Amino acid sequence: MDVGSQFGPYRIDALLGRGGMGQVFRAYDTVRDREVALKLLNTNLAEDATFQERFRRESQTAARLGEPHIIPIHDYGEIDGVLYLDMRLVDGRDLRAVLRGDGPMAPSEAVGVVEQIASALDAAHTVGLVHRDVKPENILVTSNGFAYLVDFGIAHHAGDDHLTRTGTAVGSIAYMAPEQLDNVPVSAASDVYSLSAVLFELLTGRQPYPGDSVSAVLKATVLAAVPAPSSISPAVMPALDAVVMRGLAKNPADRFGSAGEFAAAARAAVDGAPIDPAFEATRIGQPIPMQPPVPSTRQMSEPMSFSGPQAYSGPQNYSGPQNYSGPQQQFSGPIGQPPPSYPYGAAPAYGAAPQGDSRVLHIVLAVLIGLLVAALIGFAVYWFGFRDSGGSSTAAPSSTTTVTSTVPPTTPSAAPTPPPGTVPCGGDVGVAGGVTTCEFAVNVRSAYLQAGPEGQARTVVASSPVTGMSYTMSCTPEAGVVVCRGGNSAVVVIY
C-alpha cells in the first residue's frame, strides 16, 4: 500500500513499521474523524487460511482482554481481499529504536518496562493465550515511560498446534525459547523466556546469544550456558543476574511460574530486598551454605527430608522423668541412614546427648536410681512396722497416720537456647541464618500455632509477604525453642 493512497475509509499517511505478518501505517479514519494505526496483512499471506486466522484472532484477543498495556483495538475486518486491524495510534518508540538511540537502560528503568509487559502477558495467559513473539520491536514506550505490548497476530491458545505451518518458525529466533525451536506445544513459560531475553538486552545492549548466522544463534540457545548480564554490564547486581538467568533456563519447568513472578523478583533484586526473596529464591545451582559450617561428611541439604523427630514418640509416652534419654533410647533417624547432622552443632533435646555429656547423664541417672531405692525402703518400713497382723492399724481411732515419701526435686527446665546468630523479631519469634525476613517468620509462627499445640514437631506451609510465594517449613523442638527450617535456607525460631 502506497503512502497517500486510500484503503476503504482510511487515508494512508505514513509507514510506521514492518513485521513478519504485514505493515503498520499511520492512517486517518475519514468516517470516525481520527488518526489510527492501521495494520495490513502481507498480500502474499492473504490467501493462507492459517495466517488469516491468526490475524483475526489478534484483534479478538486484544479487544477481549482490555488490559491497559495492550493497545486497544478499534476495528478489524477485510477490505478488497486484504485483512486489516485498526488500533489506537501511540506516540512513542519501540524498544529497538530506544536501544539504538539511547543504549542500555539503567536496571531500575529496564525492570519498570518489564513489569508493565509482564502485566499484559499475565492477562493473556489467564485466558489461555500465548504471545510467542515478545521482542523489543513489539514493545512500544511513550515519552512518559508507559509501555504497550503489540502484535498479537501470532498469539494462540496453549496447545493449539494447527496454527503453526509445517517448517515455519513463528517468532524471532533471538528471543525464542528452546522448546519453540522444536516446534512443540508452547506455554506461558515460553513468553517468560522471551521477556527475560528482552530484559537481558535492555540491561546489556545485546542479545543473550548473539551470532553471525541463524544456525549459530540456534545452537547457542539450545546448548550454550545461560549467560549472566553482569559479565557484560558491571551495573547489573548479582541478585538481578540470578533472576534473569532463571528466566532464561533451558527447561521451562525451571523458570518462573508466571511473567508477574519474574517481574516481581527482578524488582526485588533492583530494590535491594533481602537475599531470601531476591536472590536465593531465584538461584540456579547450589544454595548458599549455612553458617557456621557443619563438621560432617553428610550435609543436611533440606530440612523437609528429615522426618526423624516427627516419627519419634518416646519422650511423650514415658511416664518417668521427662528429661531422661538413657542410652537405650538412642535415636538413629530413618532406618538404614546415618544420624543427621544439625546445622548449628546441637542435637534436639529429645535426641541422644553429645558424647561429651555422657558422664553427667550417668551421674544424674545414679542419683535418680538412689532416690527411687530410698523411697522403696521407706515404704517397706512403713508397710511392715505400722500395720497389725489383721491388716488394720493399731493406732487410736482419733489419730491419723501420714505417710511422707521423698519426691525427687524437679529439675528446672533450661532457659530457651535458640540457634547461634538468632535475631529476635518481637512477638515470640526470631530469625537465624541471615536469609529470612521477620515478616515471613511471623507467618511461619502463625501457621505453626494454628496447626496444633506448641512444642510438637510438624511441617507447615507459610507465605512470604516479600516474594508472594509459599514455602514448606519443617518445625522441631530444640533446646527449649521450636526451630523451623525450609524454604530456601530459611530458619525461623519460635520461643
Protein backbone atom coordinates (compact mmCIF):
# COMPACT_ATOMS: atom_id res chain seq x y z
CA MET A 1 0.00 0.00 0.00
CA ASP A 2 1.44 3.38 -1.03
CA VAL A 3 1.51 6.46 1.19
CA GLY A 4 -1.24 8.87 0.13
CA SER A 5 -3.49 6.14 -1.24
CA GLN A 6 -6.97 5.27 0.03
CA PHE A 7 -7.83 1.95 1.70
CA GLY A 8 -11.56 1.78 2.28
CA PRO A 9 -12.40 4.64 4.68
CA TYR A 10 -8.71 5.07 5.61
CA ARG A 11 -6.23 7.50 4.11
CA ILE A 12 -2.68 6.14 4.30
CA ASP A 13 -0.43 8.91 5.68
CA ALA A 14 2.87 7.28 6.66
CA LEU A 15 4.60 3.91 7.12
CA LEU A 16 5.28 3.23 10.79
CA GLY A 17 6.90 -0.20 10.57
CA ARG A 18 7.05 -3.66 9.07
CA GLY A 19 6.59 -7.02 10.75
CA GLY A 20 6.57 -10.68 9.89
CA MET A 21 2.88 -10.55 9.01
CA GLY A 22 2.42 -7.15 7.44
CA GLN A 23 2.89 -3.40 7.59
CA VAL A 24 1.68 -0.76 10.04
CA PHE A 25 0.67 2.68 8.76
CA ARG A 26 -0.33 5.95 10.31
CA ALA A 27 -3.78 6.45 8.76
CA TYR A 28 -6.75 8.75 9.01
CA ASP A 29 -10.21 7.26 9.51
CA THR A 30 -12.45 9.53 7.41
CA VAL A 31 -15.65 8.05 8.87
CA ARG A 32 -14.81 8.47 12.57
CA ASP A 33 -12.51 11.50 12.09
CA ARG A 34 -9.48 10.18 13.96
CA GLU A 35 -5.88 9.12 13.39
CA VAL A 36 -5.21 5.44 13.85
CA ALA A 37 -2.51 2.81 13.49
CA LEU A 38 -3.60 0.59 10.61
CA LYS A 39 -2.07 -2.85 10.20
CA LEU A 40 -2.45 -4.64 6.85
CA LEU A 41 -1.64 -8.29 6.27
CA ASN A 42 1.01 -9.00 3.66
CA THR A 43 -0.62 -9.79 0.32
CA ASN A 44 1.46 -12.94 -0.12
CA LEU A 45 -0.11 -14.31 3.07
CA ALA A 46 -3.68 -13.20 2.46
CA GLU A 47 -4.59 -16.49 0.80
CA ASP A 48 -3.18 -18.57 3.67
CA ALA A 49 -6.08 -19.54 5.92
CA THR A 50 -3.72 -20.14 8.86
CA PHE A 51 -2.31 -16.63 8.80
CA GLN A 52 -5.74 -15.14 8.22
CA GLU A 53 -6.96 -16.87 11.36
CA ARG A 54 -4.07 -15.51 13.38
CA PHE A 55 -4.65 -12.01 12.08
CA ARG A 56 -8.34 -12.08 13.00
CA ARG A 57 -7.61 -13.52 16.42
CA GLU A 58 -5.13 -10.73 17.21
CA SER A 59 -7.98 -8.24 17.26
CA GLN A 60 -10.34 -10.56 19.12
CA THR A 61 -7.73 -11.36 21.77
CA ALA A 62 -6.61 -7.80 22.45
CA ALA A 63 -10.16 -6.42 22.45
CA ARG A 64 -11.36 -9.12 24.85
CA LEU A 65 -8.51 -8.68 27.33
CA GLY A 66 -8.86 -4.93 27.80
CA GLU A 67 -5.51 -4.80 29.69
CA PRO A 68 -4.05 -1.23 29.87
CA HIS A 69 -0.67 -2.34 28.47
CA ILE A 70 -2.19 -3.96 25.38
CA ILE A 71 -3.04 -1.42 22.66
CA PRO A 72 -6.85 -1.15 22.27
CA ILE A 73 -8.41 -2.43 19.05
CA HIS A 74 -10.91 -0.12 17.32
CA ASP A 75 -11.97 -2.31 14.41
CA TYR A 76 -10.87 -5.19 12.21
CA GLY A 77 -12.08 -6.92 9.07
CA GLU A 78 -11.39 -7.36 5.37
CA ILE A 79 -11.42 -4.82 2.53
CA ASP A 80 -10.83 -5.83 -1.10
CA GLY A 81 -9.37 -9.15 0.00
CA VAL A 82 -6.91 -7.57 2.45
CA LEU A 83 -7.21 -8.16 6.19
CA TYR A 84 -6.78 -5.05 8.35
CA LEU A 85 -6.55 -4.11 12.00
CA ASP A 86 -7.48 -0.63 13.27
CA MET A 87 -5.63 0.21 16.51
CA ARG A 88 -5.06 3.20 18.77
CA LEU A 89 -2.20 5.36 17.48
CA VAL A 90 0.50 5.56 20.18
CA ASP A 91 3.00 8.40 20.15
CA GLY A 92 6.15 6.57 21.19
CA ARG A 93 9.10 4.42 20.14
CA ASP A 94 9.59 0.70 20.15
CA LEU A 95 12.36 -0.67 22.37
CA ARG A 96 14.57 -1.42 19.36
CA ALA A 97 14.60 2.29 18.50
CA VAL A 98 15.19 3.15 22.17
CA LEU A 99 18.21 0.84 22.38
CA ARG A 100 19.66 2.17 19.15
CA GLY A 101 19.21 5.79 20.19
CA ASP A 102 19.91 5.69 23.93
CA GLY A 103 21.82 2.47 24.55
CA PRO A 104 21.22 0.11 27.51
CA MET A 105 18.88 1.18 30.28
CA ALA A 106 19.61 1.52 33.98
CA PRO A 107 18.45 -1.62 35.86
CA SER A 108 15.54 0.12 37.61
CA GLU A 109 14.26 1.65 34.35
CA ALA A 110 14.58 -1.64 32.47
CA VAL A 111 12.69 -3.54 35.18
CA GLY A 112 9.99 -0.86 35.10
CA VAL A 113 9.30 -1.63 31.43
CA VAL A 114 9.35 -5.39 32.08
CA GLU A 115 6.83 -5.04 34.91
CA GLN A 116 4.31 -3.42 32.56
CA ILE A 117 4.75 -6.01 29.80
CA ALA A 118 4.52 -8.81 32.38
CA SER A 119 1.10 -7.47 33.38
CA ALA A 120 -0.05 -7.68 29.75
CA LEU A 121 1.30 -11.23 29.37
CA ASP A 122 -0.31 -12.46 32.59
CA ALA A 123 -3.67 -11.17 31.34
CA ALA A 124 -3.24 -13.08 28.08
CA HIS A 125 -2.05 -16.24 29.82
CA THR A 126 -5.07 -16.15 32.12
CA VAL A 127 -7.36 -16.80 29.15
CA GLY A 128 -5.01 -19.43 27.68
CA LEU A 129 -3.25 -17.24 25.09
CA VAL A 130 0.50 -17.30 24.44
CA HIS A 131 2.01 -14.34 22.57
CA ARG A 132 5.04 -16.25 21.18
CA ASP A 133 6.76 -13.15 19.74
CA VAL A 134 7.80 -10.96 22.68
CA LYS A 135 10.72 -8.86 21.44
CA PRO A 136 11.88 -5.19 21.53
CA GLU A 137 10.11 -4.38 18.23
CA ASN A 138 6.77 -5.41 19.73
CA ILE A 139 7.05 -3.20 22.83
CA LEU A 140 6.20 0.48 22.48
CA VAL A 141 7.18 3.05 25.12
CA THR A 142 5.73 6.55 25.33
CA SER A 143 7.65 9.65 26.42
CA ASN A 144 6.37 9.26 30.00
CA GLY A 145 7.50 5.63 30.21
CA PHE A 146 4.17 3.86 29.62
CA ALA A 147 4.75 0.56 27.79
CA TYR A 148 2.47 -1.35 25.39
CA LEU A 149 2.72 -4.90 24.10
CA VAL A 150 1.66 -5.11 20.44
CA ASP A 151 1.27 -7.65 17.64
CA PHE A 152 -0.86 -10.46 18.98
CA GLY A 153 -1.19 -11.66 15.38
CA ILE A 154 0.65 -14.90 16.14
CA ALA A 155 -0.79 -15.39 19.60
CA HIS A 156 -2.51 -18.72 20.07
CA HIS A 157 -4.22 -20.89 22.63
CA ALA A 158 -1.86 -23.11 24.60
CA GLY A 159 -1.53 -26.50 22.89
CA ASP A 160 -3.08 -25.24 19.64
CA ASP A 161 -0.55 -26.65 17.17
CA HIS A 162 -2.56 -26.38 13.99
CA LEU A 163 -1.80 -22.68 13.65
CA THR A 164 1.90 -23.34 13.01
CA ARG A 165 2.68 -24.27 9.42
CA THR A 166 5.00 -27.21 8.97
CA GLY A 167 8.58 -25.96 8.64
CA THR A 168 7.72 -22.41 9.69
CA ALA A 169 9.22 -20.92 12.86
CA VAL A 170 6.90 -18.37 14.40
CA GLY A 171 8.57 -15.58 16.35
CA SER A 172 12.02 -14.01 16.28
CA ILE A 173 14.86 -16.50 16.69
CA ALA A 174 16.94 -14.49 19.19
CA TYR A 175 14.05 -14.34 21.68
CA MET A 176 12.50 -17.77 21.15
CA ALA A 177 12.62 -20.30 23.97
CA PRO A 178 14.42 -23.61 23.24
CA GLU A 179 11.13 -25.52 23.21
CA GLN A 180 9.79 -23.25 20.45
CA LEU A 181 12.68 -24.28 18.22
CA ASP A 182 11.49 -27.90 18.45
CA ASN A 183 8.00 -26.95 17.19
CA VAL A 184 6.37 -28.45 20.27
CA PRO A 185 3.33 -27.04 22.11
CA VAL A 186 4.37 -23.87 23.93
CA SER A 187 3.10 -22.37 27.16
CA ALA A 188 3.29 -19.22 29.24
CA ALA A 189 6.83 -20.28 30.18
CA SER A 190 7.89 -19.57 26.58
CA ASP A 191 6.77 -15.95 26.93
CA VAL A 192 8.61 -15.74 30.27
CA TYR A 193 11.80 -16.79 28.46
CA SER A 194 11.28 -14.17 25.73
CA LEU A 195 10.61 -11.43 28.31
CA SER A 196 13.81 -12.47 30.13
CA ALA A 197 15.74 -12.18 26.86
CA VAL A 198 14.29 -8.67 26.38
CA LEU A 199 15.38 -7.67 29.91
CA PHE A 200 18.85 -9.09 29.21
CA GLU A 201 19.14 -6.84 26.14
CA LEU A 202 17.78 -3.78 27.94
CA LEU A 203 20.48 -4.23 30.61
CA THR A 204 23.41 -5.05 28.33
CA GLY A 205 22.58 -3.68 24.89
CA ARG A 206 22.97 -7.13 23.24
CA GLN A 207 21.01 -10.33 22.89
CA PRO A 208 21.69 -13.30 25.21
CA TYR A 209 23.09 -15.44 22.37
CA PRO A 210 24.42 -13.21 19.56
CA GLY A 211 25.67 -14.91 16.42
CA ASP A 212 26.69 -14.30 12.84
CA SER A 213 24.11 -16.74 11.49
CA VAL A 214 20.76 -18.24 12.36
CA SER A 215 22.36 -21.64 12.98
CA ALA A 216 24.85 -20.13 15.44
CA VAL A 217 22.04 -18.49 17.42
CA LEU A 218 20.01 -21.71 17.42
CA LYS A 219 22.93 -23.80 18.69
CA ALA A 220 23.76 -21.33 21.45
CA THR A 221 20.12 -21.09 22.55
CA VAL A 222 19.90 -24.85 22.96
CA LEU A 223 23.44 -25.77 24.07
CA ALA A 224 25.33 -22.77 25.48
CA ALA A 225 25.42 -21.97 29.19
CA VAL A 226 22.98 -19.33 30.37
CA PRO A 227 24.89 -16.02 30.36
CA ALA A 228 25.00 -13.57 33.26
CA PRO A 229 24.15 -9.94 32.36
CA SER A 230 26.83 -8.66 34.78
CA SER A 231 29.51 -10.35 32.67
CA ILE A 232 28.72 -7.70 30.03
CA SER A 233 27.46 -4.79 32.14
CA PRO A 234 29.02 -4.24 35.60
CA ALA A 235 25.99 -2.11 36.51
CA VAL A 236 23.90 -5.29 36.92
CA MET A 237 23.83 -6.53 40.51
CA PRO A 238 24.32 -10.27 41.28
CA ALA A 239 20.75 -10.63 42.55
CA LEU A 240 19.38 -9.42 39.21
CA ASP A 241 21.80 -11.78 37.44
CA ALA A 242 20.13 -14.70 39.19
CA VAL A 243 16.63 -13.54 38.21
CA VAL A 244 17.47 -13.13 34.50
CA MET A 245 19.37 -16.42 34.38
CA ARG A 246 16.44 -18.31 35.86
CA GLY A 247 14.11 -16.68 33.34
CA LEU A 248 16.42 -17.95 30.56
CA ALA A 249 16.56 -21.53 31.90
CA LYS A 250 16.59 -24.17 29.15
CA ASN A 251 13.90 -26.25 30.88
CA PRO A 252 10.51 -24.47 31.06
CA ALA A 253 9.88 -26.05 34.50
CA ASP A 254 12.97 -24.27 35.89
CA ARG A 255 11.67 -20.78 35.01
CA PHE A 256 9.32 -18.57 36.98
CA GLY A 257 5.70 -19.69 37.21
CA SER A 258 4.43 -16.50 35.54
CA ALA A 259 5.63 -13.30 33.93
CA GLY A 260 4.43 -11.44 37.01
CA GLU A 261 6.60 -13.58 39.31
CA PHE A 262 9.61 -12.89 37.08
CA ALA A 263 8.98 -9.13 37.15
CA ALA A 264 8.43 -9.13 40.94
CA ALA A 265 11.72 -10.97 41.54
CA ALA A 266 13.53 -8.54 39.25
CA ARG A 267 12.09 -5.56 41.13
CA ALA A 268 13.06 -7.07 44.49
CA ALA A 269 16.63 -7.56 43.21
CA VAL A 270 16.91 -3.97 41.98
CA ASP A 271 15.45 -2.53 45.20
CA GLY A 272 17.95 -4.45 47.33
CA ALA A 273 15.48 -6.72 49.07
CA PRO A 274 16.91 -9.39 51.45
CA ILE A 275 18.72 -12.36 49.93
CA ASP A 276 15.85 -14.78 50.56
CA PRO A 277 13.25 -13.26 48.21
CA ALA A 278 15.50 -11.52 45.70
CA PHE A 279 18.45 -13.85 45.23
CA GLU A 280 18.26 -17.20 46.98
CA ALA A 281 14.67 -17.83 45.83
CA THR A 282 15.81 -17.43 42.22
CA ARG A 283 19.25 -19.04 42.40
CA ILE A 284 20.29 -21.56 39.75
CA GLY A 285 22.65 -24.14 41.28
CA GLN A 286 23.67 -24.89 44.87
CA PRO A 287 22.22 -22.73 47.68
CA ILE A 288 24.40 -20.59 49.92
CA PRO A 289 25.97 -22.86 52.63
CA MET A 290 24.58 -22.37 56.13
CA GLN A 291 26.89 -20.81 58.73
CA PRO A 292 28.74 -21.99 60.68
CA PRO A 293 29.77 -25.00 58.54
CA VAL A 294 28.90 -28.41 59.89
CA PRO A 295 31.98 -30.63 60.50
CA SER A 296 30.40 -33.69 58.95
CA THR A 297 30.78 -35.67 55.75
CA ARG A 298 26.99 -35.84 55.40
CA GLN A 299 25.40 -32.44 54.98
CA MET A 300 21.72 -31.95 55.68
CA SER A 301 20.65 -30.46 52.35
CA GLU A 302 16.99 -29.87 53.09
CA PRO A 303 15.11 -29.93 56.41
CA MET A 304 11.91 -31.16 54.76
CA SER A 305 13.52 -34.53 54.04
CA PHE A 306 14.39 -35.13 57.73
CA SER A 307 11.42 -36.90 59.27
CA GLY A 308 13.11 -38.49 62.31
CA PRO A 309 11.77 -36.27 65.13
CA GLN A 310 8.18 -36.39 63.85
CA ALA A 311 8.16 -40.19 63.92
CA TYR A 312 9.84 -40.49 67.36
CA SER A 313 7.31 -40.55 70.19
CA GLY A 314 9.42 -41.97 73.04
CA PRO A 315 9.52 -38.97 75.39
CA GLN A 316 5.78 -38.29 75.07
CA ASN A 317 4.84 -41.83 76.22
CA TYR A 318 7.41 -42.13 79.01
CA SER A 319 5.83 -41.63 82.44
CA GLY A 320 9.07 -41.22 84.36
CA PRO A 321 11.31 -38.16 84.47
CA GLN A 322 10.75 -36.18 81.32
CA ASN A 323 14.37 -35.34 80.79
CA TYR A 324 15.53 -38.97 80.75
CA SER A 325 17.00 -40.07 77.46
CA GLY A 326 19.16 -43.00 78.55
CA PRO A 327 21.48 -44.90 76.24
CA GLN A 328 18.84 -47.40 75.19
CA GLN A 329 16.78 -44.55 73.70
CA GLN A 330 19.43 -43.51 71.20
CA PHE A 331 17.72 -42.03 68.13
CA SER A 332 19.20 -43.16 64.85
CA GLY A 333 16.82 -41.46 62.41
CA PRO A 334 15.44 -43.26 59.33
CA ILE A 335 16.35 -46.94 59.15
CA GLY A 336 19.44 -47.60 57.09
CA GLN A 337 20.66 -43.98 57.18
CA PRO A 338 23.40 -42.41 59.37
CA PRO A 339 22.34 -39.91 62.05
CA PRO A 340 21.53 -36.45 60.67
CA SER A 341 23.91 -33.58 61.22
CA TYR A 342 22.49 -30.42 62.74
CA PRO A 343 23.34 -27.08 61.18
CA TYR A 344 24.27 -25.40 64.42
CA GLY A 345 26.06 -28.30 66.14
CA ALA A 346 23.33 -29.08 68.72
CA ALA A 347 21.13 -32.15 68.66
CA PRO A 348 17.42 -31.83 69.59
CA ALA A 349 16.61 -32.04 73.31
CA TYR A 350 14.82 -35.35 72.81
CA GLY A 351 17.64 -36.97 70.84
CA ALA A 352 20.84 -38.61 72.06
CA ALA A 353 23.09 -36.29 74.10
CA PRO A 354 26.54 -35.41 72.79
CA GLN A 355 29.17 -37.96 73.75
CA GLY A 356 30.98 -35.45 75.95
CA ASP A 357 27.95 -35.19 78.27
CA SER A 358 27.61 -38.94 78.94
CA ARG A 359 29.32 -38.63 82.35
CA VAL A 360 26.75 -36.05 83.51
CA LEU A 361 23.90 -38.27 82.34
CA HIS A 362 25.34 -41.26 84.23
CA ILE A 363 25.58 -39.21 87.47
CA VAL A 364 22.00 -37.95 87.11
CA LEU A 365 20.82 -41.49 86.39
CA ALA A 366 22.61 -42.83 89.50
CA VAL A 367 21.04 -40.14 91.71
CA LEU A 368 17.56 -40.91 90.41
CA ILE A 369 18.02 -44.65 90.98
CA GLY A 370 19.28 -43.96 94.55
CA LEU A 371 16.26 -41.78 95.33
CA LEU A 372 13.94 -44.45 93.97
CA VAL A 373 15.58 -47.16 96.12
CA ALA A 374 15.35 -44.93 99.23
CA ALA A 375 11.67 -44.35 98.59
CA LEU A 376 11.04 -48.08 98.25
CA ILE A 377 12.89 -48.82 101.53
CA GLY A 378 10.88 -46.17 103.36
CA PHE A 379 7.64 -47.58 102.04
CA ALA A 380 8.68 -51.10 103.12
CA VAL A 381 9.47 -49.88 106.67
CA TYR A 382 6.02 -48.32 106.93
CA TRP A 383 4.28 -51.38 105.50
CA PHE A 384 5.83 -53.85 107.93
CA GLY A 385 6.20 -51.60 111.01
CA PHE A 386 2.83 -49.84 111.25
CA ARG A 387 0.20 -52.47 110.47
CA ASP A 388 -1.10 -55.27 112.74
CA SER A 389 -1.42 -58.96 111.90
CA GLY A 390 -5.05 -58.46 110.86
CA GLY A 391 -4.18 -55.85 108.38
CA SER A 392 -5.72 -52.91 110.36
CA SER A 393 -3.93 -50.03 112.02
CA THR A 394 -3.11 -50.31 115.81
CA ALA A 395 -3.23 -46.59 116.38
CA ALA A 396 -6.06 -44.88 118.32
CA PRO A 397 -9.19 -44.17 116.27
CA SER A 398 -8.72 -40.43 116.61
CA SER A 399 -5.16 -40.46 115.30
CA THR A 400 -4.17 -40.05 111.66
CA THR A 401 -1.16 -41.71 110.10
CA THR A 402 0.58 -39.56 107.46
CA VAL A 403 2.92 -41.21 105.02
CA THR A 404 5.53 -38.90 103.50
CA SER A 405 7.55 -40.05 100.54
CA THR A 406 10.54 -38.24 99.21
CA VAL A 407 9.96 -36.96 95.68
CA PRO A 408 13.00 -36.13 93.56
CA PRO A 409 13.18 -32.38 93.09
CA THR A 410 12.06 -31.23 89.71
CA THR A 411 14.97 -30.08 87.66
CA PRO A 412 14.16 -26.60 86.42
CA SER A 413 13.89 -26.53 82.67
CA ALA A 414 16.83 -24.98 80.94
CA ALA A 415 16.46 -21.49 79.54
CA PRO A 416 15.45 -21.49 75.88
CA THR A 417 18.58 -21.67 73.73
CA PRO A 418 17.94 -20.52 70.13
CA PRO A 419 20.50 -21.33 67.40
CA PRO A 420 23.56 -19.05 67.29
CA GLY A 421 23.03 -15.87 65.37
CA THR A 422 19.25 -15.70 66.03
CA VAL A 423 17.85 -12.18 65.71
CA PRO A 424 14.59 -11.52 67.67
CA CYS A 425 11.71 -10.12 65.64
CA GLY A 426 9.40 -9.49 68.59
CA GLY A 427 6.20 -11.39 69.32
CA ASP A 428 8.00 -14.58 70.49
CA VAL A 429 9.66 -15.22 67.13
CA GLY A 430 13.09 -14.67 65.61
CA VAL A 431 15.17 -15.46 62.51
CA ALA A 432 18.58 -17.07 62.04
CA GLY A 433 20.94 -17.67 59.16
CA GLY A 434 20.68 -14.18 57.65
CA VAL A 435 18.35 -15.07 54.74
CA THR A 436 14.91 -14.82 56.37
CA THR A 437 12.66 -11.79 56.90
CA CYS A 438 10.74 -11.10 60.10
CA GLU A 439 7.51 -10.79 58.10
CA PHE A 440 7.91 -14.37 56.87
CA ALA A 441 8.87 -15.52 60.38
CA VAL A 442 5.62 -14.12 61.82
CA ASN A 443 3.62 -16.05 59.18
CA VAL A 444 5.51 -19.27 59.98
CA ARG A 445 4.76 -18.91 63.70
CA SER A 446 1.08 -18.26 62.98
CA ALA A 447 0.86 -21.33 60.71
CA TYR A 448 2.65 -23.47 63.33
CA LEU A 449 0.34 -22.44 66.21
CA GLN A 450 -2.78 -22.91 64.09
CA ALA A 451 -1.73 -26.46 63.20
CA GLY A 452 -1.61 -27.75 66.80
CA PRO A 453 -0.13 -27.37 70.32
CA GLU A 454 3.18 -25.64 70.73
CA GLY A 455 6.22 -27.83 71.34
CA GLN A 456 5.38 -30.57 68.86
CA ALA A 457 7.25 -31.40 65.67
CA ARG A 458 5.31 -30.86 62.45
CA THR A 459 5.57 -29.45 58.94
CA VAL A 460 3.73 -26.24 57.99
CA VAL A 461 3.35 -24.09 54.89
CA ALA A 462 3.66 -20.29 55.17
CA SER A 463 3.66 -17.47 52.65
CA SER A 464 6.28 -14.73 52.29
CA PRO A 465 4.84 -11.19 52.05
CA VAL A 466 8.03 -10.18 50.20
CA THR A 467 8.02 -12.75 47.39
CA GLY A 468 4.30 -13.59 47.39
CA MET A 469 5.23 -17.30 47.34
CA SER A 470 4.57 -20.12 49.84
CA TYR A 471 7.31 -22.25 51.39
CA THR A 472 7.31 -25.57 53.30
CA MET A 473 8.93 -25.40 56.76
CA SER A 474 9.87 -28.39 58.98
CA CYS A 475 9.47 -27.39 62.65
CA THR A 476 11.14 -29.35 65.51
CA PRO A 477 11.62 -28.62 69.25
CA GLU A 478 15.25 -27.82 70.04
CA ALA A 479 16.74 -26.68 73.38
CA GLY A 480 13.56 -25.04 74.68
CA VAL A 481 12.52 -23.43 71.40
CA VAL A 482 10.94 -24.61 68.16
CA VAL A 483 13.17 -24.23 65.09
CA CYS A 484 11.55 -24.25 61.64
CA ARG A 485 13.81 -24.83 58.64
CA GLY A 486 12.92 -24.98 54.97
CA GLY A 487 12.07 -22.81 52.00
CA ASN A 488 15.36 -21.50 50.60
CA SER A 489 17.71 -21.91 53.61
CA ALA A 490 15.20 -20.09 55.85
CA VAL A 491 15.49 -20.55 59.65
CA VAL A 492 12.66 -19.36 61.94
CA VAL A 493 12.85 -19.63 65.75
CA ILE A 494 9.62 -19.78 67.81
CA TYR A 495 10.12 -19.11 71.54
